[in-house]
């Protein structure tokens, strides 16, 4: 979808809004249609509820509601916003929080985190990737987020291996409204978005449209980002049913910055980007879903949902990076569609949720010389069918929980070397119990297992076009047993949660700390590994005008045995081959042993909310050899925020001004992620092991300003 189309849609929104406003003023106020008590509340997305865990489910989770999301948002990508949640770390390639950004959960990368939007899988099925850069201002269109850590509860799409992130979109409002948001900031950042609600029309329909536009030059050189998107939702309540549609269309144009930088270069120029301005990409993505929910009496409901997700575009890279010659264009497009049926019913003291889900997927990968011939074309195909049953009991103070999922996935590849593929069937059981110790406290224990298939990039060893017929048995599926033991204490002013976790992996497809030539993270199986830790999460209303929050993760994670392959060079610097070395009891790449976030927010000044958030991340290894000097250094970052209610000064539009200062102390050594290059120099039979660390640098002190206006 071109930027012209997106901007045209944005203009239509305002034209339609103005017309609707005049019509609304002229027309008599409609009498709202009563909603039977047997129907779910209009703000409740039934499919989202079926995939989420409620407050008594024995699952380790964090819930973020709309006010909290709005308060934290300053235009950054969603992975960066979620960093204040327990055990979440992240980084952006641009260094400034926009563009391509990625999160890790308990040190496990984003491609092994299940993500859904209104019950629709967001993970691209082949590589399980999620590109939030494709749809600008995701935060502005989300009503709530639930982050489940560990295997959690059964969901749809990619396996919930490290955890899951479930997004629920905003429902159309019952009354007409038009809100406008304008923003600007450091590094040439500018953004604008609108939120229009039609109110009730046409017999009870409600419509909402939210166009967004944002641009930034990025903190790093030649890392500019331009994004457009339109989110939509529509709903209507009938006597015993609800019909709901939602989705988005987005487009991005980004200058590539996926390569990290050597330490000595960063000491001279923190913004250096080894990729050239000509190395850029242009992608679009869209998602559309429709959901019909029928109340089957007062204790049961049935929901049927269909969806389609599509994306396409290209990225350009030089074949010879050193001399910047041979500019090549990699084309990538995919389309998948599927359906989900969920059934819920109360059986006395038990609540049953059951669901079935299926989709079909196809992709096309190409490489062309810019203004030249095509070098290759290949296709990927994936089909998946899954079903789950969840049973939650309410036996007084005891809440037992059973959850079982059966999932079948088939992945195949078709290219100039031929066709290959295979299917996998997985059984993922979970069980637990929560007990209400008192009116203020509860405790839970759960155990669950998840198994998942390798990704396309794992099987192709990081290649985009297979040089030999892929062996789909070369990379084994990975599995994890997860045990969670947690407790929660609530008072009027304090919420405190603590949990211990033990994730025991078999055949984990672990990061090697290396990138493929096209920027894909390389991984391979390790037989045994584990991640064990303690998580704390607290919110305390210390005074009427002072709120304190904190999140802590302390962990010990290990790979029992790791074999690293080193490139070998002779004394003259000529490449001669590779040599393996085996290491035991090593810490996985990108897994800091300690992460802590603390925040303070005060409303002591009238119409002003001020806050400080400090984040400490311990050092983490850049590869699995744990070689001294090859680690991302520990860092501390302090951010400040101010929100001003200007309605006392200017009543029209109820203006609200937000100011965010990131990296308030101007720390120039915030390197949240990176990788390494390991090699051996062989001279007269003597081997000397060396390595080069590469870092993604986060931005120095920066400022973002946002103005919110309620036009009507």
Foldseek 3Di string as FASTA:
>chain_A
DDPVVLVVVVVVVVVVLVVLVVVVVVDDDDDADDEDPLADPLFDLVLLVLAADDPFPQFDKDKDFLVRLVQQDQFAFPLVSCCQAFQKDKAALLQARAFFMWIAHLLHTPLLAWEDESQHTQQDQFSRDHGSNQAGPPSVFFGMKMWTAAQGADGDGHRHHRTYIYTYGGAADQDWFKKKKWKAKPQGKTKIKMWTWSHQDDQFKIKIKMKMWMWGCGQAHLWIKTKIKMKMKMKGDDHFKIKIKIKMKMKMKTGDQLAFFFPVVCVVPVRYGLFDNQFIWIKMKMKMKMKMKGRPPNFKIKMKMKMKIKMWIWTWGAPDSVVRDQIKIKIKIKMKMWMKMWMWGDDDQKIKIKMKIKMKMKMKIWMAGVVGGTDWIKMKIKIKIKMKMKMWGCPDQKIKIWMKMKMKMKIKMQIPQGIDIDMDIDIKIKIKMKGAPDPFKIKMKMKIKIKGAHHPCQQQQNDPHRPHHTDRVQAGIKMKIKIKIKMWGDDPFKIKIKMKMKIKMAQDFAFFLDADPVSHTGTGTAGIKMKIWMKMWMWGPPDVFKIKIKIKIAIQIWGAKDKDKAFEAEPVGHTDGIDIDMDGTFHGALNFRMKMKMKMWGCPDPQKIKMKMKIWTAKGASGRVPDPPRIQHIDMWMKMKMKGQCCVVPVAQRKIKMKIKTRVVFDFRPFSHWGKHWHWYAYPNDTDIDMTTGTSTRHGIMMMMMMMGTND
